[in-house]
Amino acid sequence: MDIGFIGLGKMGLPMARRLVAAGHTLTVYDTRREAVDTLVALGAQAASSPKDVADRTETVMASLPSLDISLAVATGKDGVIEGKRVKRLVDLSTTGSRMAVKIHDLLAQKNIVQIDSPVSGGVGGAEKGTLAVMVSGPRAEFDRLKPALDVIGKVFFISEKPGAGQTMKLANNYLSATAIVATSEAVVMGVKAGLDPNVMIDVINAGSGLNTASRDKFPKSVLPRTFDFGFATGLMVKDVRLCLEEMKGMGLSMEVAEAVGRLWETVIREMGPDSDFTAAIKPIEKAAGVEVNGIKPQGLSK
């Protein structure tokens, strides 16, 4: 399939690389020339703007970091909407359902189909092709795109309703955001009481407290204090804020979500948007006066 790909960041680059490796013909654009050059070296063609991508391909994919950028790339000056050839935009970004619907409606005026297709699984999932891909849009378009999307992960058809994929993604990331801060509070409590954090995580993972943070984030990035899981605090806070907005718009109860949101606002204030989201434990440690350090002294067995 001929595919245009816009946005070659931490998530976009490995997704685009997998598509090239699978034999798809890619035309790529990013504001960072070095990212474009990486894909060109693998056989992709470089474009000069989102419009240029959309002039040259019927199917355009985008992986972008913010709502404003997603809107501008899709519908702004020199955006996808001005392309001569494009028939569909597959948005792999997280924008929330309201922005997805807005982009959908604007593109529809030019007979361009918007396929809402956010992903989850982090940089590791993008590199391995194990992302969860949550697609909403016309079923016929989903069927057309599925072989390409299968290259980047496990594909789920959510609904034909515009923005439904975004709702699914926000529900997922809200749970992920909750898991990391709740697990951080639990382990900090244990360390404050004198427990070994390595043993705590082993017990949690063998018991009913098992979650994605205890299973993946703590062993890889928190206990060794590398804080390098590959997802920025700013992006997590964006997702939590969008989820809260969506819940509020539906008139839902948000007691837990609001508490989680407050915690993440503290994390971004103290750690900054560019910190790894696993650093969420640091403000919790600071308030407790302890450090969760799972690095074993050399010479000791596991």
C-alpha atoms as a PDB file:
ATOM      1  CA  MET A   1       0.000   0.000   0.000  1.00  0.00           C
ATOM      2  CA  ASP A   2       1.163   3.556  -0.726  1.00  0.00           C
ATOM      3  CA  ILE A   3       1.052   5.405   2.611  1.00  0.00           C
ATOM      4  CA  GLY A   4       1.870   8.932   3.672  1.00  0.00           C
ATOM      5  CA  PHE A   5       3.167   9.242   7.228  1.00  0.00           C
ATOM      6  CA  ILE A   6       3.328  12.513   9.164  1.00  0.00           C
ATOM      7  CA  GLY A   7       5.032  12.733  12.560  1.00  0.00           C
ATOM      8  CA  LEU A   8       8.207  10.724  13.118  1.00  0.00           C
ATOM      9  CA  GLY A   9       8.610  11.130  16.861  1.00  0.00           C
ATOM     10  CA  LYS A  10       9.191   8.484  19.523  1.00  0.00           C
ATOM     11  CA  MET A  11       6.045   6.629  18.481  1.00  0.00           C
ATOM     12  CA  GLY A  12       5.749   7.594  14.822  1.00  0.00           C
ATOM     13  CA  LEU A  13       9.278   6.672  13.772  1.00  0.00           C
ATOM     14  CA  PRO A  14       9.142   3.015  14.839  1.00  0.00           C
ATOM     15  CA  MET A  15       5.630   2.621  13.429  1.00  0.00           C
ATOM     16  CA  ALA A  16       6.737   4.067  10.085  1.00  0.00           C
ATOM     17  CA  ARG A  17       9.878   1.931  10.126  1.00  0.00           C
ATOM     18  CA  ARG A  18       7.797  -1.226  10.577  1.00  0.00           C
ATOM     19  CA  LEU A  19       5.551  -0.255   7.662  1.00  0.00           C
ATOM     20  CA  VAL A  20       8.586   0.178   5.380  1.00  0.00           C
ATOM     21  CA  ALA A  21      10.031  -3.137   6.553  1.00  0.00           C
ATOM     22  CA  ALA A  22       6.710  -4.826   5.732  1.00  0.00           C
ATOM     23  CA  GLY A  23       6.950  -3.660   2.125  1.00  0.00           C
ATOM     24  CA  HIS A  24       4.649  -0.637   2.157  1.00  0.00           C
ATOM     25  CA  THR A  25       5.709   2.402   0.132  1.00  0.00           C
ATOM     26  CA  LEU A  26       5.972   5.431   2.434  1.00  0.00           C
ATOM     27  CA  THR A  27       6.083   9.164   1.791  1.00  0.00           C
ATOM     28  CA  VAL A  28       7.056  10.856   5.060  1.00  0.00           C
ATOM     29  CA  TYR A  29       7.113  14.280   6.653  1.00  0.00           C
ATOM     30  CA  ASP A  30       8.363  15.635   9.960  1.00  0.00           C
ATOM     31  CA  THR A  31       9.666  19.028  11.062  1.00  0.00           C
ATOM     32  CA  ARG A  32      12.898  17.275  12.131  1.00  0.00           C
ATOM     33  CA  ARG A  33      15.011  16.559   9.087  1.00  0.00           C
ATOM     34  CA  GLU A  34      17.044  13.883  10.843  1.00  0.00           C
ATOM     35  CA  ALA A  35      13.903  11.822  11.446  1.00  0.00           C
ATOM     36  CA  VAL A  36      12.944  12.071   7.775  1.00  0.00           C
ATOM     37  CA  ASP A  37      16.483  11.115   6.722  1.00  0.00           C
ATOM     38  CA  THR A  38      16.281   7.976   8.873  1.00  0.00           C
ATOM     39  CA  LEU A  39      13.237   6.760   6.944  1.00  0.00           C
ATOM     40  CA  VAL A  40      14.607   7.852   3.561  1.00  0.00           C
ATOM     41  CA  ALA A  41      17.680   5.713   4.242  1.00  0.00           C
ATOM     42  CA  LEU A  42      15.301   2.762   4.626  1.00  0.00           C
ATOM     43  CA  GLY A  43      13.559   3.460   1.327  1.00  0.00           C
ATOM     44  CA  ALA A  44      10.872   6.046   2.103  1.00  0.00           C
ATOM     45  CA  GLN A  45      10.385   9.233   0.095  1.00  0.00           C
ATOM     46  CA  ALA A  46      10.590  12.662   1.731  1.00  0.00           C
ATOM     47  CA  ALA A  47       7.804  15.237   1.478  1.00  0.00           C
ATOM     48  CA  SER A  48       8.016  18.971   2.121  1.00  0.00           C
ATOM     49  CA  SER A  49       4.735  19.463   4.026  1.00  0.00           C
ATOM     50  CA  PRO A  50       1.557  17.652   5.125  1.00  0.00           C
ATOM     51  CA  LYS A  51      -0.073  18.951   1.931  1.00  0.00           C
ATOM     52  CA  ASP A  52       2.745  17.466  -0.132  1.00  0.00           C
ATOM     53  CA  VAL A  53       2.169  14.099   1.554  1.00  0.00           C
ATOM     54  CA  ALA A  54      -1.549  14.373   0.774  1.00  0.00           C
ATOM     55  CA  ASP A  55      -0.810  15.370  -2.823  1.00  0.00           C
ATOM     56  CA  ARG A  56       1.118  12.133  -3.327  1.00  0.00           C
ATOM     57  CA  THR A  57      -0.826   9.468  -1.406  1.00  0.00           C
ATOM     58  CA  GLU A  58      -4.461   8.438  -0.932  1.00  0.00           C
ATOM     59  CA  THR A  59      -3.868   7.137   2.602  1.00  0.00           C
ATOM     60  CA  VAL A  60      -2.182   9.443   5.124  1.00  0.00           C
ATOM     61  CA  MET A  61      -1.279   8.404   8.666  1.00  0.00           C
ATOM     62  CA  ALA A  62      -0.374  10.892  11.390  1.00  0.00           C
ATOM     63  CA  SER A  63       1.222  10.464  14.815  1.00  0.00           C
ATOM     64  CA  LEU A  64       1.340  13.845  16.522  1.00  0.00           C
ATOM     65  CA  PRO A  65       1.931  15.131  20.076  1.00  0.00           C
ATOM     66  CA  SER A  66      -0.795  17.713  20.712  1.00  0.00           C
ATOM     67  CA  LEU A  67      -4.362  18.660  19.803  1.00  0.00           C
ATOM     68  CA  ASP A  68      -3.321  21.938  18.179  1.00  0.00           C
ATOM     69  CA  ILE A  69      -0.721  20.241  16.005  1.00  0.00           C
ATOM     70  CA  SER A  70      -3.158  17.497  15.003  1.00  0.00           C
ATOM     71  CA  LEU A  71      -5.752  20.088  13.983  1.00  0.00           C
ATOM     72  CA  ALA A  72      -3.228  22.193  12.063  1.00  0.00           C
ATOM     73  CA  VAL A  73      -1.713  19.234  10.226  1.00  0.00           C
ATOM     74  CA  ALA A  74      -5.140  17.890   9.281  1.00  0.00           C
ATOM     75  CA  THR A  75      -7.030  21.076   8.434  1.00  0.00           C
ATOM     76  CA  GLY A  76      -4.670  24.070   8.476  1.00  0.00           C
ATOM     77  CA  LYS A  77      -2.719  25.880   5.774  1.00  0.00           C
ATOM     78  CA  ASP A  78      -0.590  23.398   3.804  1.00  0.00           C
ATOM     79  CA  GLY A  79      -2.382  20.671   5.732  1.00  0.00           C
ATOM     80  CA  VAL A  80      -3.752  17.324   4.645  1.00  0.00           C
ATOM     81  CA  ILE A  81      -7.093  18.918   3.800  1.00  0.00           C
ATOM     82  CA  GLU A  82      -5.446  20.782   0.892  1.00  0.00           C
ATOM     83  CA  GLY A  83      -4.017  17.640  -0.689  1.00  0.00           C
ATOM     84  CA  LYS A  84      -5.025  16.747  -4.230  1.00  0.00           C
ATOM     85  CA  ARG A  85      -4.919  12.960  -3.906  1.00  0.00           C
ATOM     86  CA  VAL A  86      -5.723  12.095  -0.293  1.00  0.00           C
ATOM     87  CA  LYS A  87      -8.889  10.089   0.413  1.00  0.00           C
ATOM     88  CA  ARG A  88      -8.416   9.184   4.084  1.00  0.00           C
ATOM     89  CA  LEU A  89      -6.529  10.371   7.163  1.00  0.00           C
ATOM     90  CA  VAL A  90      -5.649   7.742   9.764  1.00  0.00           C
ATOM     91  CA  ASP A  91      -4.988   9.641  12.981  1.00  0.00           C
ATOM     92  CA  LEU A  92      -2.834   7.580  15.341  1.00  0.00           C
ATOM     93  CA  SER A  93      -2.584  10.473  17.821  1.00  0.00           C
ATOM     94  CA  THR A  94      -4.488  10.966  21.081  1.00  0.00           C
ATOM     95  CA  THR A  95      -6.735  14.002  20.693  1.00  0.00           C
ATOM     96  CA  GLY A  96      -9.903  13.204  22.658  1.00  0.00           C
ATOM     97  CA  SER A  97     -13.247  12.580  21.013  1.00  0.00           C
ATOM     98  CA  ARG A  98     -14.288  16.225  20.643  1.00  0.00           C
ATOM     99  CA  MET A  99     -11.210  17.134  18.608  1.00  0.00           C
ATOM    100  CA  ALA A 100     -11.528  13.930  16.593  1.00  0.00           C
ATOM    101  CA  VAL A 101     -15.121  14.849  15.695  1.00  0.00           C
ATOM    102  CA  LYS A 102     -14.050  18.393  14.795  1.00  0.00           C
ATOM    103  CA  ILE A 103     -11.347  17.124  12.451  1.00  0.00           C
ATOM    104  CA  HIS A 104     -13.741  14.529  11.034  1.00  0.00           C
ATOM    105  CA  ASP A 105     -16.355  17.164  10.200  1.00  0.00           C
ATOM    106  CA  LEU A 106     -13.856  19.552   8.587  1.00  0.00           C
ATOM    107  CA  LEU A 107     -12.284  16.840   6.443  1.00  0.00           C
ATOM    108  CA  ALA A 108     -15.709  15.553   5.423  1.00  0.00           C
ATOM    109  CA  GLN A 109     -16.340  18.899   3.720  1.00  0.00           C
ATOM    110  CA  LYS A 110     -13.558  17.924   1.293  1.00  0.00           C
ATOM    111  CA  ASN A 111     -14.736  14.300   1.018  1.00  0.00           C
ATOM    112  CA  ILE A 112     -11.763  13.071   3.047  1.00  0.00           C
ATOM    113  CA  VAL A 113     -12.542  10.262   5.496  1.00  0.00           C
ATOM    114  CA  GLN A 114     -11.080  10.575   8.975  1.00  0.00           C
ATOM    115  CA  ILE A 115     -10.133   7.258  10.590  1.00  0.00           C
ATOM    116  CA  ASP A 116      -9.681   7.710  14.329  1.00  0.00           C
ATOM    117  CA  SER A 117      -6.996   5.210  15.340  1.00  0.00           C
ATOM    118  CA  PRO A 118      -5.151   5.994  18.596  1.00  0.00           C
ATOM    119  CA  VAL A 119      -2.621   3.468  19.860  1.00  0.00           C
ATOM    120  CA  SER A 120      -1.421   2.243  23.233  1.00  0.00           C
ATOM    121  CA  GLY A 121       1.638   0.302  24.286  1.00  0.00           C
ATOM    122  CA  GLY A 122       4.430   2.848  24.420  1.00  0.00           C
ATOM    123  CA  VAL A 123       7.651   3.079  22.467  1.00  0.00           C
ATOM    124  CA  GLY A 124       8.446  -0.576  23.153  1.00  0.00           C
ATOM    125  CA  GLY A 125       5.129  -1.622  21.639  1.00  0.00           C
ATOM    126  CA  ALA A 126       5.717   0.613  18.603  1.00  0.00           C
ATOM    127  CA  GLU A 127       9.127  -0.954  18.036  1.00  0.00           C
ATOM    128  CA  LYS A 128       7.896  -4.537  18.462  1.00  0.00           C
ATOM    129  CA  GLY A 129       4.607  -4.092  16.580  1.00  0.00           C
ATOM    130  CA  THR A 130       2.557  -4.998  19.637  1.00  0.00           C
ATOM    131  CA  LEU A 131       0.528  -1.805  20.089  1.00  0.00           C
ATOM    132  CA  ALA A 132      -3.190  -1.883  20.778  1.00  0.00           C
ATOM    133  CA  VAL A 133      -4.713  -0.074  17.793  1.00  0.00           C
ATOM    134  CA  MET A 134      -8.218   1.296  18.480  1.00  0.00           C
ATOM    135  CA  VAL A 135     -10.024   2.141  15.243  1.00  0.00           C
ATOM    136  CA  SER A 136     -13.276   3.979  14.647  1.00  0.00           C
ATOM    137  CA  GLY A 137     -14.580   4.917  11.225  1.00  0.00           C
ATOM    138  CA  PRO A 138     -16.473   3.406   8.289  1.00  0.00           C
ATOM    139  CA  ARG A 139     -16.233  -0.390   8.383  1.00  0.00           C
ATOM    140  CA  ALA A 140     -15.203  -0.611   4.730  1.00  0.00           C
ATOM    141  CA  GLU A 141     -12.300   1.735   5.377  1.00  0.00           C
ATOM    142  CA  PHE A 142     -11.287  -0.316   8.415  1.00  0.00           C
ATOM    143  CA  ASP A 143     -11.229  -3.468   6.295  1.00  0.00           C
ATOM    144  CA  ARG A 144      -9.093  -1.710   3.667  1.00  0.00           C
ATOM    145  CA  LEU A 145      -6.569  -0.454   6.238  1.00  0.00           C
ATOM    146  CA  LYS A 146      -6.378  -3.452   8.569  1.00  0.00           C
ATOM    147  CA  PRO A 147      -3.502  -5.244   6.761  1.00  0.00           C
ATOM    148  CA  ALA A 148      -1.327  -2.155   7.190  1.00  0.00           C
ATOM    149  CA  LEU A 149      -2.422  -1.536  10.763  1.00  0.00           C
ATOM    150  CA  ASP A 150      -1.715  -5.188  11.604  1.00  0.00           C
ATOM    151  CA  VAL A 151       1.957  -4.353  11.055  1.00  0.00           C
ATOM    152  CA  ILE A 152       2.008  -1.989  14.034  1.00  0.00           C
ATOM    153  CA  GLY A 153      -0.082  -3.941  16.518  1.00  0.00           C
ATOM    154  CA  LYS A 154      -3.252  -5.764  17.495  1.00  0.00           C
ATOM    155  CA  VAL A 155      -6.133  -3.991  15.780  1.00  0.00           C
ATOM    156  CA  PHE A 156      -9.553  -3.489  17.370  1.00  0.00           C
ATOM    157  CA  PHE A 157     -12.613  -2.134  15.566  1.00  0.00           C
ATOM    158  CA  ILE A 158     -14.348   0.084  18.119  1.00  0.00           C
ATOM    159  CA  SER A 159     -17.232   1.707  16.248  1.00  0.00           C
ATOM    160  CA  GLU A 160     -18.215   3.614  13.140  1.00  0.00           C
ATOM    161  CA  LYS A 161     -18.960   6.614  15.375  1.00  0.00           C
ATOM    162  CA  PRO A 162     -16.416   9.443  14.950  1.00  0.00           C
ATOM    163  CA  GLY A 163     -14.245   9.811  18.050  1.00  0.00           C
ATOM    164  CA  ALA A 164     -15.098   6.400  19.544  1.00  0.00           C
ATOM    165  CA  GLY A 165     -11.504   5.246  19.280  1.00  0.00           C
ATOM    166  CA  GLN A 166     -10.449   8.264  21.313  1.00  0.00           C
ATOM    167  CA  THR A 167     -12.920   7.435  24.080  1.00  0.00           C
ATOM    168  CA  MET A 168     -11.477   3.926  24.240  1.00  0.00           C
ATOM    169  CA  LYS A 169      -7.914   5.277  24.357  1.00  0.00           C
ATOM    170  CA  LEU A 170      -8.712   7.736  27.165  1.00  0.00           C
ATOM    171  CA  ALA A 171     -10.335   4.970  29.232  1.00  0.00           C
ATOM    172  CA  ASN A 172      -7.214   2.848  28.758  1.00  0.00           C
ATOM    173  CA  ASN A 173      -4.745   5.604  29.591  1.00  0.00           C
ATOM    174  CA  TYR A 174      -6.738   6.713  32.614  1.00  0.00           C
ATOM    175  CA  LEU A 175      -6.287   3.220  34.022  1.00  0.00           C
ATOM    176  CA  SER A 176      -2.573   3.300  33.155  1.00  0.00           C
ATOM    177  CA  ALA A 177      -2.189   6.707  34.829  1.00  0.00           C
ATOM    178  CA  THR A 178      -4.013   5.434  37.906  1.00  0.00           C
ATOM    179  CA  ALA A 179      -1.901   2.277  38.111  1.00  0.00           C
ATOM    180  CA  ILE A 180       1.442   4.079  38.233  1.00  0.00           C
ATOM    181  CA  VAL A 181       0.492   6.591  40.936  1.00  0.00           C
ATOM    182  CA  ALA A 182      -1.507   4.100  43.021  1.00  0.00           C
ATOM    183  CA  THR A 183       1.335   1.575  42.895  1.00  0.00           C
ATOM    184  CA  SER A 184       3.785   4.335  43.779  1.00  0.00           C
ATOM    185  CA  GLU A 185       1.754   5.264  46.871  1.00  0.00           C
ATOM    186  CA  ALA A 186       1.499   1.612  47.943  1.00  0.00           C
ATOM    187  CA  VAL A 187       5.230   0.920  47.558  1.00  0.00           C
ATOM    188  CA  VAL A 188       6.216   4.194  49.237  1.00  0.00           C
ATOM    189  CA  MET A 189       4.026   3.194  52.164  1.00  0.00           C
ATOM    190  CA  GLY A 190       5.834  -0.138  52.392  1.00  0.00           C
ATOM    191  CA  VAL A 191       9.297   1.387  52.172  1.00  0.00           C
ATOM    192  CA  LYS A 192       8.329   3.901  54.862  1.00  0.00           C
ATOM    193  CA  ALA A 193       7.442   0.910  57.047  1.00  0.00           C
ATOM    194  CA  GLY A 194      10.776  -0.775  56.293  1.00  0.00           C
ATOM    195  CA  LEU A 195       9.782  -3.240  53.564  1.00  0.00           C
ATOM    196  CA  ASP A 196      12.053  -4.187  50.649  1.00  0.00           C
ATOM    197  CA  PRO A 197      10.549  -2.686  47.450  1.00  0.00           C
ATOM    198  CA  ASN A 198      11.811  -5.606  45.348  1.00  0.00           C
ATOM    199  CA  VAL A 199       9.984  -8.065  47.553  1.00  0.00           C
ATOM    200  CA  MET A 200       6.898  -5.862  47.525  1.00  0.00           C
ATOM    201  CA  ILE A 201       6.727  -5.870  43.733  1.00  0.00           C
ATOM    202  CA  ASP A 202       7.280  -9.631  43.613  1.00  0.00           C
ATOM    203  CA  VAL A 203       4.404 -10.171  46.050  1.00  0.00           C
ATOM    204  CA  ILE A 204       2.098  -7.715  44.263  1.00  0.00           C
ATOM    205  CA  ASN A 205       2.803  -9.407  40.930  1.00  0.00           C
ATOM    206  CA  ALA A 206       1.995 -12.809  42.445  1.00  0.00           C
ATOM    207  CA  GLY A 207      -1.173 -11.538  44.066  1.00  0.00           C
ATOM    208  CA  SER A 208      -4.354  -9.625  43.405  1.00  0.00           C
ATOM    209  CA  GLY A 209      -2.592  -6.244  43.236  1.00  0.00           C
ATOM    210  CA  LEU A 210      -0.951  -7.081  39.899  1.00  0.00           C
ATOM    211  CA  ASN A 211      -1.235  -4.232  37.382  1.00  0.00           C
ATOM    212  CA  THR A 212       0.664  -2.817  34.421  1.00  0.00           C
ATOM    213  CA  ALA A 213       2.781  -0.558  36.632  1.00  0.00           C
ATOM    214  CA  SER A 214       3.864  -3.332  38.999  1.00  0.00           C
ATOM    215  CA  ARG A 215       4.383  -5.780  36.130  1.00  0.00           C
ATOM    216  CA  ASP A 216       6.254  -3.540  33.683  1.00  0.00           C
ATOM    217  CA  LYS A 217       7.072  -0.031  34.864  1.00  0.00           C
ATOM    218  CA  PHE A 218       8.438  -0.762  38.327  1.00  0.00           C
ATOM    219  CA  PRO A 219      10.831  -3.588  37.381  1.00  0.00           C
ATOM    220  CA  LYS A 220      12.122  -1.802  34.277  1.00  0.00           C
ATOM    221  CA  SER A 221      12.237   1.868  35.229  1.00  0.00           C
ATOM    222  CA  VAL A 222      11.250   2.630  38.846  1.00  0.00           C
ATOM    223  CA  LEU A 223      13.132   0.132  41.022  1.00  0.00           C
ATOM    224  CA  PRO A 224      16.415   0.625  39.093  1.00  0.00           C
ATOM    225  CA  ARG A 225      15.689   4.384  39.126  1.00  0.00           C
ATOM    226  CA  THR A 226      16.371   4.810  35.421  1.00  0.00           C
ATOM    227  CA  PHE A 227      12.956   6.425  34.782  1.00  0.00           C
ATOM    228  CA  ASP A 228      13.230   5.665  31.085  1.00  0.00           C
ATOM    229  CA  PHE A 229      10.091   3.761  30.141  1.00  0.00           C
ATOM    230  CA  GLY A 230       9.595   5.998  27.108  1.00  0.00           C
ATOM    231  CA  PHE A 231       6.412   8.017  27.681  1.00  0.00           C
ATOM    232  CA  ALA A 232       6.542  11.667  28.706  1.00  0.00           C
ATOM    233  CA  THR A 233       4.764  13.080  31.760  1.00  0.00           C
ATOM    234  CA  GLY A 234       3.347  15.844  29.558  1.00  0.00           C
ATOM    235  CA  LEU A 235       1.646  13.316  27.297  1.00  0.00           C
ATOM    236  CA  MET A 236       0.200  11.389  30.223  1.00  0.00           C
ATOM    237  CA  VAL A 237      -1.137  14.574  31.799  1.00  0.00           C
ATOM    238  CA  LYS A 238      -2.666  15.537  28.447  1.00  0.00           C
ATOM    239  CA  ASP A 239      -4.485  12.197  28.335  1.00  0.00           C
ATOM    240  CA  VAL A 240      -5.697  12.463  31.945  1.00  0.00           C
ATOM    241  CA  ARG A 241      -6.995  15.984  31.360  1.00  0.00           C
ATOM    242  CA  LEU A 242      -8.798  14.873  28.198  1.00  0.00           C
ATOM    243  CA  CYS A 243     -10.368  11.954  30.057  1.00  0.00           C
ATOM    244  CA  LEU A 244     -11.590  14.234  32.832  1.00  0.00           C
ATOM    245  CA  GLU A 245     -13.086  16.599  30.254  1.00  0.00           C
ATOM    246  CA  GLU A 246     -14.859  13.713  28.538  1.00  0.00           C
ATOM    247  CA  MET A 247     -16.216  12.361  31.838  1.00  0.00           C
ATOM    248  CA  LYS A 248     -17.389  15.829  32.863  1.00  0.00           C
ATOM    249  CA  GLY A 249     -19.096  16.315  29.501  1.00  0.00           C
ATOM    250  CA  MET A 250     -21.047  13.108  30.097  1.00  0.00           C
ATOM    251  CA  GLY A 251     -22.043  14.129  33.619  1.00  0.00           C
ATOM    252  CA  LEU A 252     -20.242  11.153  35.161  1.00  0.00           C
ATOM    253  CA  SER A 253     -19.018  10.604  38.687  1.00  0.00           C
ATOM    254  CA  MET A 254     -15.298  11.414  38.768  1.00  0.00           C
ATOM    255  CA  GLU A 255     -14.156  11.000  42.389  1.00  0.00           C
ATOM    256  CA  VAL A 256     -11.231   8.687  41.628  1.00  0.00           C
ATOM    257  CA  ALA A 257     -10.393  10.364  38.318  1.00  0.00           C
ATOM    258  CA  GLU A 258     -10.242  13.799  39.934  1.00  0.00           C
ATOM    259  CA  ALA A 259      -7.886  12.509  42.633  1.00  0.00           C
ATOM    260  CA  VAL A 260      -5.677  10.922  39.972  1.00  0.00           C
ATOM    261  CA  GLY A 261      -5.783  14.157  37.997  1.00  0.00           C
ATOM    262  CA  ARG A 262      -4.618  16.179  41.005  1.00  0.00           C
ATOM    263  CA  LEU A 263      -1.706  13.796  41.533  1.00  0.00           C
ATOM    264  CA  TRP A 264      -0.619  14.142  37.922  1.00  0.00           C
ATOM    265  CA  GLU A 265      -0.832  17.939  38.083  1.00  0.00           C
ATOM    266  CA  THR A 266       1.616  17.730  41.008  1.00  0.00           C
ATOM    267  CA  VAL A 267       3.896  15.438  38.994  1.00  0.00           C
ATOM    268  CA  ILE A 268       4.037  17.739  35.965  1.00  0.00           C
ATOM    269  CA  ARG A 269       4.557  20.779  38.175  1.00  0.00           C
ATOM    270  CA  GLU A 270       7.458  19.192  40.077  1.00  0.00           C
ATOM    271  CA  MET A 271       9.011  16.968  37.404  1.00  0.00           C
ATOM    272  CA  GLY A 272       8.230  18.865  34.201  1.00  0.00           C
ATOM    273  CA  PRO A 273       6.467  17.722  31.008  1.00  0.00           C
ATOM    274  CA  ASP A 274       9.575  16.152  29.470  1.00  0.00           C
ATOM    275  CA  SER A 275      10.240  13.803  32.394  1.00  0.00           C
ATOM    276  CA  ASP A 276       9.430  10.123  31.975  1.00  0.00           C
ATOM    277  CA  PHE A 277       6.012   9.363  33.426  1.00  0.00           C
ATOM    278  CA  THR A 278       7.510   6.707  35.717  1.00  0.00           C
ATOM    279  CA  ALA A 279       9.081   9.614  37.637  1.00  0.00           C
ATOM    280  CA  ALA A 280       5.575  10.152  39.069  1.00  0.00           C
ATOM    281  CA  ILE A 281       6.832   8.334  42.170  1.00  0.00           C
ATOM    282  CA  LYS A 282       9.321  11.095  43.017  1.00  0.00           C
ATOM    283  CA  PRO A 283       6.870  13.687  44.435  1.00  0.00           C
ATOM    284  CA  ILE A 284       5.226  10.881  46.423  1.00  0.00           C
ATOM    285  CA  GLU A 285       8.637   9.840  47.788  1.00  0.00           C
ATOM    286  CA  LYS A 286       9.458  13.448  48.597  1.00  0.00           C
ATOM    287  CA  ALA A 287       6.267  13.911  50.612  1.00  0.00           C
ATOM    288  CA  ALA A 288       6.978  10.680  52.528  1.00  0.00           C
ATOM    289  CA  GLY A 289      10.671  11.372  53.080  1.00  0.00           C
ATOM    290  CA  VAL A 290      11.803   8.049  51.569  1.00  0.00           C
ATOM    291  CA  GLU A 291      13.334   6.757  48.343  1.00  0.00           C
ATOM    292  CA  VAL A 292      12.195   3.571  46.626  1.00  0.00           C
ATOM    293  CA  ASN A 293      15.508   2.125  45.507  1.00  0.00           C
ATOM    294  CA  GLY A 294      15.459  -1.404  44.189  1.00  0.00           C
ATOM    295  CA  ILE A 295      19.075  -1.511  43.029  1.00  0.00           C
ATOM    296  CA  LYS A 296      20.750  -4.474  44.714  1.00  0.00           C
ATOM    297  CA  PRO A 297      24.336  -4.089  46.017  1.00  0.00           C
ATOM    298  CA  GLN A 298      26.886  -5.868  43.821  1.00  0.00           C
ATOM    299  CA  GLY A 299      27.638  -9.392  44.881  1.00  0.00           C
ATOM    300  CA  LEU A 300      24.160 -10.147  46.178  1.00  0.00           C
ATOM    301  CA  SER A 301      22.027 -12.698  44.379  1.00  0.00           C
ATOM    302  CA  LYS A 302      18.571 -11.734  43.214  1.00  0.00           C
END
